[in-house]
Structure formats: C-alpha cells, structure tokens
Amino acid sequence: MSKVGKEIVIFIGVFLFLTLGMHMKQWISHPMDHIEHLAGSTFGLFHPLYFTLGIYLVLFLTKKIFGFIIGLFIRKY
C-alpha cells in the first residue's frame, strides 16, 4: 500500500472513531434522523470532516516531528 493509501486509511479511521465516539447514542437510537439533521447543524453539513481534518493534522504533524527527532539519533549507513 502506498503512503497516500495508508494516510487515507488513517483519516477514515479517525473519522469513524470520532463520529461513533461523539454520537454513539444518536447512531444507535435513530441513525436516519441523525443524518437528516446533519444539514441543519450550526457547524454546517461538513462539520464532521472539519473536525476529522483538524485531529488528523495534529496526528500527522506529531508523527512527522517524532520521526524527524528519531531520525536525528539513528545512524543510516
């Protein structure tokens, strides 16, 4: 799997984790009503993607920073 493919899988995983974690009660009790009310949200229709993108960027940057720091201490021949 390519690097982009892995990042897409991570993004989808974060999305599912956040949507189920934040709205588990609504998804279990009345999922269709929850989807229909998504358009009327104060954050807008795409608010789950905004929050997911924010969390993903934090995770991505953290991963890159730690990778850079670890790369400073590991010799590559």
PDB file of N, CA and C in Angstrom:
ATOM      1  N   MET A   1       0.854  -1.176   0.000  1.00  0.00           N
ATOM      2  CA  MET A   1       0.000   0.000   0.000  1.00  0.00           C
ATOM      3  C   MET A   1       0.902   1.242   0.000  1.00  0.00           C
ATOM      4  N   SER A   2       0.530   2.222  -0.771  1.00  0.00           N
ATOM      5  CA  SER A   2       1.335   3.440  -0.860  1.00  0.00           C
ATOM      6  C   SER A   2       1.161   4.301   0.391  1.00  0.00           C
ATOM      7  N   LYS A   3       2.021   5.305   0.512  1.00  0.00           N
ATOM      8  CA  LYS A   3       1.945   6.202   1.669  1.00  0.00           C
ATOM      9  C   LYS A   3       0.626   6.962   1.682  1.00  0.00           C
ATOM     10  N   VAL A   4       0.168   7.368   0.511  1.00  0.00           N
ATOM     11  CA  VAL A   4      -1.101   8.102   0.428  1.00  0.00           C
ATOM     12  C   VAL A   4      -2.252   7.190   0.846  1.00  0.00           C
ATOM     13  N   GLY A   5      -2.208   5.951   0.398  1.00  0.00           N
ATOM     14  CA  GLY A   5      -3.243   4.993   0.772  1.00  0.00           C
ATOM     15  C   GLY A   5      -3.299   4.765   2.275  1.00  0.00           C
ATOM     16  N   LYS A   6      -2.119   4.684   2.906  1.00  0.00           N
ATOM     17  CA  LYS A   6      -2.065   4.497   4.356  1.00  0.00           C
ATOM     18  C   LYS A   6      -2.645   5.716   5.078  1.00  0.00           C
ATOM     19  N   GLU A   7      -2.325   6.902   4.569  1.00  0.00           N
ATOM     20  CA  GLU A   7      -2.854   8.124   5.194  1.00  0.00           C
ATOM     21  C   GLU A   7      -4.369   8.219   5.028  1.00  0.00           C
ATOM     22  N   ILE A   8      -4.890   7.766   3.900  1.00  0.00           N
ATOM     23  CA  ILE A   8      -6.345   7.759   3.693  1.00  0.00           C
ATOM     24  C   ILE A   8      -7.008   6.800   4.672  1.00  0.00           C
ATOM     25  N   VAL A   9      -6.401   5.639   4.877  1.00  0.00           N
ATOM     26  CA  VAL A   9      -6.941   4.671   5.845  1.00  0.00           C
ATOM     27  C   VAL A   9      -6.924   5.271   7.252  1.00  0.00           C
ATOM     28  N   ILE A  10      -5.850   5.970   7.606  1.00  0.00           N
ATOM     29  CA  ILE A  10      -5.775   6.615   8.921  1.00  0.00           C
ATOM     30  C   ILE A  10      -6.856   7.679   9.047  1.00  0.00           C
ATOM     31  N   PHE A  11      -7.050   8.495   7.994  1.00  0.00           N
ATOM     32  CA  PHE A  11      -8.073   9.543   8.016  1.00  0.00           C
ATOM     33  C   PHE A  11      -9.467   8.939   8.202  1.00  0.00           C
ATOM     34  N   ILE A  12      -9.770   7.883   7.478  1.00  0.00           N
ATOM     35  CA  ILE A  12     -11.078   7.230   7.602  1.00  0.00           C
ATOM     36  C   ILE A  12     -11.235   6.630   8.995  1.00  0.00           C
ATOM     37  N   GLY A  13     -10.154   6.051   9.531  1.00  0.00           N
ATOM     38  CA  GLY A  13     -10.207   5.505  10.893  1.00  0.00           C
ATOM     39  C   GLY A  13     -10.488   6.580  11.928  1.00  0.00           C
ATOM     40  N   VAL A  14      -9.827   7.738  11.787  1.00  0.00           N
ATOM     41  CA  VAL A  14     -10.067   8.856  12.707  1.00  0.00           C
ATOM     42  C   VAL A  14     -11.513   9.333  12.566  1.00  0.00           C
ATOM     43  N   PHE A  15     -11.995   9.419  11.329  1.00  0.00           N
ATOM     44  CA  PHE A  15     -13.371   9.844  11.084  1.00  0.00           C
ATOM     45  C   PHE A  15     -14.372   8.914  11.771  1.00  0.00           C
ATOM     46  N   LEU A  16     -14.207   7.618  11.578  1.00  0.00           N
ATOM     47  CA  LEU A  16     -15.124   6.656  12.199  1.00  0.00           C
ATOM     48  C   LEU A  16     -15.035   6.691  13.721  1.00  0.00           C
ATOM     49  N   PHE A  17     -13.823   6.784  14.239  1.00  0.00           N
ATOM     50  CA  PHE A  17     -13.638   6.850  15.687  1.00  0.00           C
ATOM     51  C   PHE A  17     -14.342   8.072  16.273  1.00  0.00           C
ATOM     52  N   LEU A  18     -14.168   9.230  15.633  1.00  0.00           N
ATOM     53  CA  LEU A  18     -14.776  10.455  16.145  1.00  0.00           C
ATOM     54  C   LEU A  18     -16.300  10.439  16.011  1.00  0.00           C
ATOM     55  N   THR A  19     -16.808  10.006  14.859  1.00  0.00           N
ATOM     56  CA  THR A  19     -18.260  10.030  14.681  1.00  0.00           C
ATOM     57  C   THR A  19     -18.953   9.050  15.615  1.00  0.00           C
ATOM     58  N   LEU A  20     -18.379   7.881  15.768  1.00  0.00           N
ATOM     59  CA  LEU A  20     -19.011   6.911  16.673  1.00  0.00           C
ATOM     60  C   LEU A  20     -18.776   7.288  18.132  1.00  0.00           C
ATOM     61  N   GLY A  21     -17.621   7.829  18.431  1.00  0.00           N
ATOM     62  CA  GLY A  21     -17.321   8.204  19.806  1.00  0.00           C
ATOM     63  C   GLY A  21     -18.136   9.383  20.302  1.00  0.00           C
ATOM     64  N   MET A  22     -18.354  10.348  19.429  1.00  0.00           N
ATOM     65  CA  MET A  22     -19.051  11.562  19.847  1.00  0.00           C
ATOM     66  C   MET A  22     -20.580  11.415  19.792  1.00  0.00           C
ATOM     67  N   HIS A  23     -21.058  10.551  18.920  1.00  0.00           N
ATOM     68  CA  HIS A  23     -22.504  10.464  18.706  1.00  0.00           C
ATOM     69  C   HIS A  23     -23.017   9.025  18.769  1.00  0.00           C
ATOM     70  N   MET A  24     -22.442   8.218  19.613  1.00  0.00           N
ATOM     71  CA  MET A  24     -22.836   6.810  19.681  1.00  0.00           C
ATOM     72  C   MET A  24     -24.320   6.647  19.995  1.00  0.00           C
ATOM     73  N   LYS A  25     -24.815   7.420  20.932  1.00  0.00           N
ATOM     74  CA  LYS A  25     -26.227   7.294  21.327  1.00  0.00           C
ATOM     75  C   LYS A  25     -27.157   7.591  20.145  1.00  0.00           C
ATOM     76  N   GLN A  26     -26.853   8.640  19.378  1.00  0.00           N
ATOM     77  CA  GLN A  26     -27.688   9.008  18.243  1.00  0.00           C
ATOM     78  C   GLN A  26     -27.602   7.971  17.125  1.00  0.00           C
ATOM     79  N   TRP A  27     -26.415   7.419  16.887  1.00  0.00           N
ATOM     80  CA  TRP A  27     -26.258   6.429  15.823  1.00  0.00           C
ATOM     81  C   TRP A  27     -26.987   5.134  16.158  1.00  0.00           C
ATOM     82  N   ILE A  28     -27.051   4.799  17.432  1.00  0.00           N
ATOM     83  CA  ILE A  28     -27.724   3.554  17.813  1.00  0.00           C
ATOM     84  C   ILE A  28     -29.240   3.739  17.886  1.00  0.00           C
ATOM     85  N   SER A  29     -29.701   4.837  18.474  1.00  0.00           N
ATOM     86  CA  SER A  29     -31.134   5.004  18.689  1.00  0.00           C
ATOM     87  C   SER A  29     -31.883   5.444  17.435  1.00  0.00           C
ATOM     88  N   HIS A  30     -31.352   6.388  16.679  1.00  0.00           N
ATOM     89  CA  HIS A  30     -32.050   6.867  15.474  1.00  0.00           C
ATOM     90  C   HIS A  30     -31.052   7.405  14.443  1.00  0.00           C
ATOM     91  N   PRO A  31     -30.403   6.503  13.710  1.00  0.00           N
ATOM     92  CA  PRO A  31     -29.351   6.933  12.779  1.00  0.00           C
ATOM     93  C   PRO A  31     -29.862   7.775  11.607  1.00  0.00           C
ATOM     94  N   MET A  32     -31.002   7.461  11.048  1.00  0.00           N
ATOM     95  CA  MET A  32     -31.504   8.215   9.889  1.00  0.00           C
ATOM     96  C   MET A  32     -31.875   9.640  10.286  1.00  0.00           C
ATOM     97  N   ASP A  33     -32.486   9.805  11.442  1.00  0.00           N
ATOM     98  CA  ASP A  33     -32.805  11.162  11.915  1.00  0.00           C
ATOM     99  C   ASP A  33     -31.520  11.959  12.137  1.00  0.00           C
ATOM    100  N   HIS A  34     -30.506  11.303  12.639  1.00  0.00           N
ATOM    101  CA  HIS A  34     -29.232  11.977  12.887  1.00  0.00           C
ATOM    102  C   HIS A  34     -28.614  12.465  11.574  1.00  0.00           C
ATOM    103  N   ILE A  35     -28.652  11.645  10.548  1.00  0.00           N
ATOM    104  CA  ILE A  35     -28.117  12.032   9.239  1.00  0.00           C
ATOM    105  C   ILE A  35     -28.927  13.178   8.642  1.00  0.00           C
ATOM    106  N   GLU A  36     -30.258  13.122   8.783  1.00  0.00           N
ATOM    107  CA  GLU A  36     -31.116  14.181   8.239  1.00  0.00           C
ATOM    108  C   GLU A  36     -30.881  15.516   8.950  1.00  0.00           C
ATOM    109  N   HIS A  37     -30.613  15.499  10.243  1.00  0.00           N
ATOM    110  CA  HIS A  37     -30.394  16.733  10.996  1.00  0.00           C
ATOM    111  C   HIS A  37     -28.982  17.291  10.820  1.00  0.00           C
ATOM    112  N   LEU A  38     -28.118  16.527  10.156  1.00  0.00           N
ATOM    113  CA  LEU A  38     -26.747  16.963   9.946  1.00  0.00           C
ATOM    114  C   LEU A  38     -26.692  18.254   9.125  1.00  0.00           C
ATOM    115  N   ALA A  39     -27.583  18.390   8.155  1.00  0.00           N
ATOM    116  CA  ALA A  39     -27.599  19.591   7.303  1.00  0.00           C
ATOM    117  C   ALA A  39     -27.983  20.837   8.097  1.00  0.00           C
ATOM    118  N   GLY A  40     -28.766  20.691   9.124  1.00  0.00           N
ATOM    119  CA  GLY A  40     -29.198  21.828   9.926  1.00  0.00           C
ATOM    120  C   GLY A  40     -28.285  22.147  11.091  1.00  0.00           C
ATOM    121  N   SER A  41     -27.136  21.521  11.144  1.00  0.00           N
ATOM    122  CA  SER A  41     -26.202  21.729  12.239  1.00  0.00           C
ATOM    123  C   SER A  41     -25.658  23.150  12.226  1.00  0.00           C
ATOM    124  N   THR A  42     -25.334  23.658  13.404  1.00  0.00           N
ATOM    125  CA  THR A  42     -24.766  25.004  13.491  1.00  0.00           C
ATOM    126  C   THR A  42     -23.366  25.056  12.886  1.00  0.00           C
ATOM    127  N   PHE A  43     -22.687  23.918  12.791  1.00  0.00           N
ATOM    128  CA  PHE A  43     -21.358  23.869  12.190  1.00  0.00           C
ATOM    129  C   PHE A  43     -21.417  23.634  10.690  1.00  0.00           C
ATOM    130  N   GLY A  44     -22.576  23.323  10.150  1.00  0.00           N
ATOM    131  CA  GLY A  44     -22.709  23.068   8.722  1.00  0.00           C
ATOM    132  C   GLY A  44     -22.723  21.589   8.401  1.00  0.00           C
ATOM    133  N   LEU A  45     -22.997  21.316   7.151  1.00  0.00           N
ATOM    134  CA  LEU A  45     -23.141  19.935   6.695  1.00  0.00           C
ATOM    135  C   LEU A  45     -21.845  19.139   6.821  1.00  0.00           C
ATOM    136  N   PHE A  46     -20.723  19.774   6.574  1.00  0.00           N
ATOM    137  CA  PHE A  46     -19.453  19.058   6.545  1.00  0.00           C
ATOM    138  C   PHE A  46     -18.679  19.135   7.857  1.00  0.00           C
ATOM    139  N   HIS A  47     -19.345  19.463   8.959  1.00  0.00           N
ATOM    140  CA  HIS A  47     -18.614  19.632  10.211  1.00  0.00           C
ATOM    141  C   HIS A  47     -17.885  18.370  10.681  1.00  0.00           C
ATOM    142  N   PRO A  48     -18.371  17.168  10.404  1.00  0.00           N
ATOM    143  CA  PRO A  48     -17.571  16.007  10.817  1.00  0.00           C
ATOM    144  C   PRO A  48     -16.222  15.958  10.099  1.00  0.00           C
ATOM    145  N   LEU A  49     -16.210  16.379   8.845  1.00  0.00           N
ATOM    146  CA  LEU A  49     -14.954  16.372   8.097  1.00  0.00           C
ATOM    147  C   LEU A  49     -13.996  17.448   8.593  1.00  0.00           C
ATOM    148  N   TYR A  50     -14.533  18.593   9.025  1.00  0.00           N
ATOM    149  CA  TYR A  50     -13.684  19.655   9.569  1.00  0.00           C
ATOM    150  C   TYR A  50     -12.979  19.188  10.839  1.00  0.00           C
ATOM    151  N   PHE A  51     -13.738  18.580  11.739  1.00  0.00           N
ATOM    152  CA  PHE A  51     -13.158  18.106  12.988  1.00  0.00           C
ATOM    153  C   PHE A  51     -12.167  16.973  12.726  1.00  0.00           C
ATOM    154  N   THR A  52     -12.506  16.078  11.815  1.00  0.00           N
ATOM    155  CA  THR A  52     -11.615  14.975  11.481  1.00  0.00           C
ATOM    156  C   THR A  52     -10.320  15.497  10.869  1.00  0.00           C
ATOM    157  N   LEU A  53     -10.423  16.470   9.984  1.00  0.00           N
ATOM    158  CA  LEU A  53      -9.230  17.045   9.372  1.00  0.00           C
ATOM    159  C   LEU A  53      -8.338  17.704  10.418  1.00  0.00           C
ATOM    160  N   GLY A  54      -8.937  18.390  11.373  1.00  0.00           N
ATOM    161  CA  GLY A  54      -8.154  19.024  12.440  1.00  0.00           C
ATOM    162  C   GLY A  54      -7.402  18.005  13.273  1.00  0.00           C
ATOM    163  N   ILE A  55      -8.072  16.957  13.703  1.00  0.00           N
ATOM    164  CA  ILE A  55      -7.431  15.913  14.510  1.00  0.00           C
ATOM    165  C   ILE A  55      -6.385  15.179  13.679  1.00  0.00           C
ATOM    166  N   TYR A  56      -6.701  14.901  12.409  1.00  0.00           N
ATOM    167  CA  TYR A  56      -5.748  14.215  11.536  1.00  0.00           C
ATOM    168  C   TYR A  56      -4.474  15.041  11.363  1.00  0.00           C
ATOM    169  N   LEU A  57      -4.616  16.351  11.169  1.00  0.00           N
ATOM    170  CA  LEU A  57      -3.441  17.201  11.001  1.00  0.00           C
ATOM    171  C   LEU A  57      -2.574  17.217  12.252  1.00  0.00           C
ATOM    172  N   VAL A  58      -3.199  17.228  13.415  1.00  0.00           N
ATOM    173  CA  VAL A  58      -2.435  17.163  14.668  1.00  0.00           C
ATOM    174  C   VAL A  58      -1.669  15.841  14.750  1.00  0.00           C
ATOM    175  N   LEU A  59      -2.333  14.740  14.426  1.00  0.00           N
ATOM    176  CA  LEU A  59      -1.667  13.434  14.457  1.00  0.00           C
ATOM    177  C   LEU A  59      -0.555  13.355  13.409  1.00  0.00           C
ATOM    178  N   PHE A  60      -0.814  13.863  12.214  1.00  0.00           N
ATOM    179  CA  PHE A  60       0.171  13.828  11.137  1.00  0.00           C
ATOM    180  C   PHE A  60       1.418  14.637  11.501  1.00  0.00           C
ATOM    181  N   LEU A  61       1.209  15.844  11.995  1.00  0.00           N
ATOM    182  CA  LEU A  61       2.346  16.684  12.373  1.00  0.00           C
ATOM    183  C   LEU A  61       3.131  16.080  13.528  1.00  0.00           C
ATOM    184  N   THR A  62       2.436  15.504  14.499  1.00  0.00           N
ATOM    185  CA  THR A  62       3.108  14.839  15.619  1.00  0.00           C
ATOM    186  C   THR A  62       3.957  13.676  15.118  1.00  0.00           C
ATOM    187  N   LYS A  63       3.404  12.899  14.205  1.00  0.00           N
ATOM    188  CA  LYS A  63       4.136  11.766  13.645  1.00  0.00           C
ATOM    189  C   LYS A  63       5.378  12.240  12.890  1.00  0.00           C
ATOM    190  N   LYS A  64       5.261  13.300  12.115  1.00  0.00           N
ATOM    191  CA  LYS A  64       6.396  13.825  11.359  1.00  0.00           C
ATOM    192  C   LYS A  64       7.472  14.406  12.282  1.00  0.00           C
ATOM    193  N   ILE A  65       7.063  15.108  13.324  1.00  0.00           N
ATOM    194  CA  ILE A  65       8.027  15.691  14.267  1.00  0.00           C
ATOM    195  C   ILE A  65       8.793  14.595  14.998  1.00  0.00           C
ATOM    196  N   PHE A  66       8.085  13.581  15.504  1.00  0.00           N
ATOM    197  CA  PHE A  66       8.767  12.478  16.186  1.00  0.00           C
ATOM    198  C   PHE A  66       9.669  11.708  15.229  1.00  0.00           C
ATOM    199  N   GLY A  67       9.224  11.533  13.994  1.00  0.00           N
ATOM    200  CA  GLY A  67      10.052  10.858  13.003  1.00  0.00           C
ATOM    201  C   GLY A  67      11.329  11.627  12.723  1.00  0.00           C
ATOM    202  N   PHE A  68      11.232  12.939  12.653  1.00  0.00           N
ATOM    203  CA  PHE A  68      12.407  13.778  12.439  1.00  0.00           C
ATOM    204  C   PHE A  68      13.371  13.693  13.621  1.00  0.00           C
ATOM    205  N   ILE A  69      12.829  13.781  14.829  1.00  0.00           N
ATOM    206  CA  ILE A  69      13.666  13.720  16.034  1.00  0.00           C
ATOM    207  C   ILE A  69      14.349  12.362  16.148  1.00  0.00           C
ATOM    208  N   ILE A  70      13.621  11.298  15.912  1.00  0.00           N
ATOM    209  CA  ILE A  70      14.214   9.958  15.975  1.00  0.00           C
ATOM    210  C   ILE A  70      15.259   9.799  14.878  1.00  0.00           C
ATOM    211  N   GLY A  71      15.001  10.377  13.709  1.00  0.00           N
ATOM    212  CA  GLY A  71      15.962  10.311  12.613  1.00  0.00           C
ATOM    213  C   GLY A  71      17.272  10.999  12.919  1.00  0.00           C
ATOM    214  N   LEU A  72      17.250  11.975  13.807  1.00  0.00           N
ATOM    215  CA  LEU A  72      18.490  12.655  14.194  1.00  0.00           C
ATOM    216  C   LEU A  72      19.415  11.741  15.001  1.00  0.00           C
ATOM    217  N   PHE A  73      18.850  10.808  15.738  1.00  0.00           N
ATOM    218  CA  PHE A  73      19.626   9.960  16.619  1.00  0.00           C
ATOM    219  C   PHE A  73      19.946   8.584  16.055  1.00  0.00           C
ATOM    220  N   ILE A  74      19.345   8.217  14.960  1.00  0.00           N
ATOM    221  CA  ILE A  74      19.599   6.909  14.355  1.00  0.00           C
ATOM    222  C   ILE A  74      20.494   7.097  13.145  1.00  0.00           C
ATOM    223  N   ARG A  75      21.590   6.389  13.139  1.00  0.00           N
ATOM    224  CA  ARG A  75      22.517   6.478  12.016  1.00  0.00           C
ATOM    225  C   ARG A  75      22.004   5.631  10.853  1.00  0.00           C
ATOM    226  N   LYS A  76      22.109   6.213   9.684  1.00  0.00           N
ATOM    227  CA  LYS A  76      21.765   5.466   8.478  1.00  0.00           C
ATOM    228  C   LYS A  76      23.028   5.329   7.645  1.00  0.00           C
ATOM    229  N   TYR A  77      23.399   4.119   7.335  1.00  0.00           N
ATOM    230  CA  TYR A  77      24.622   3.867   6.585  1.00  0.00           C
ATOM    231  C   TYR A  77      24.323   3.738   5.123  1.00  0.00           C
TER     232      TYR A  77
END
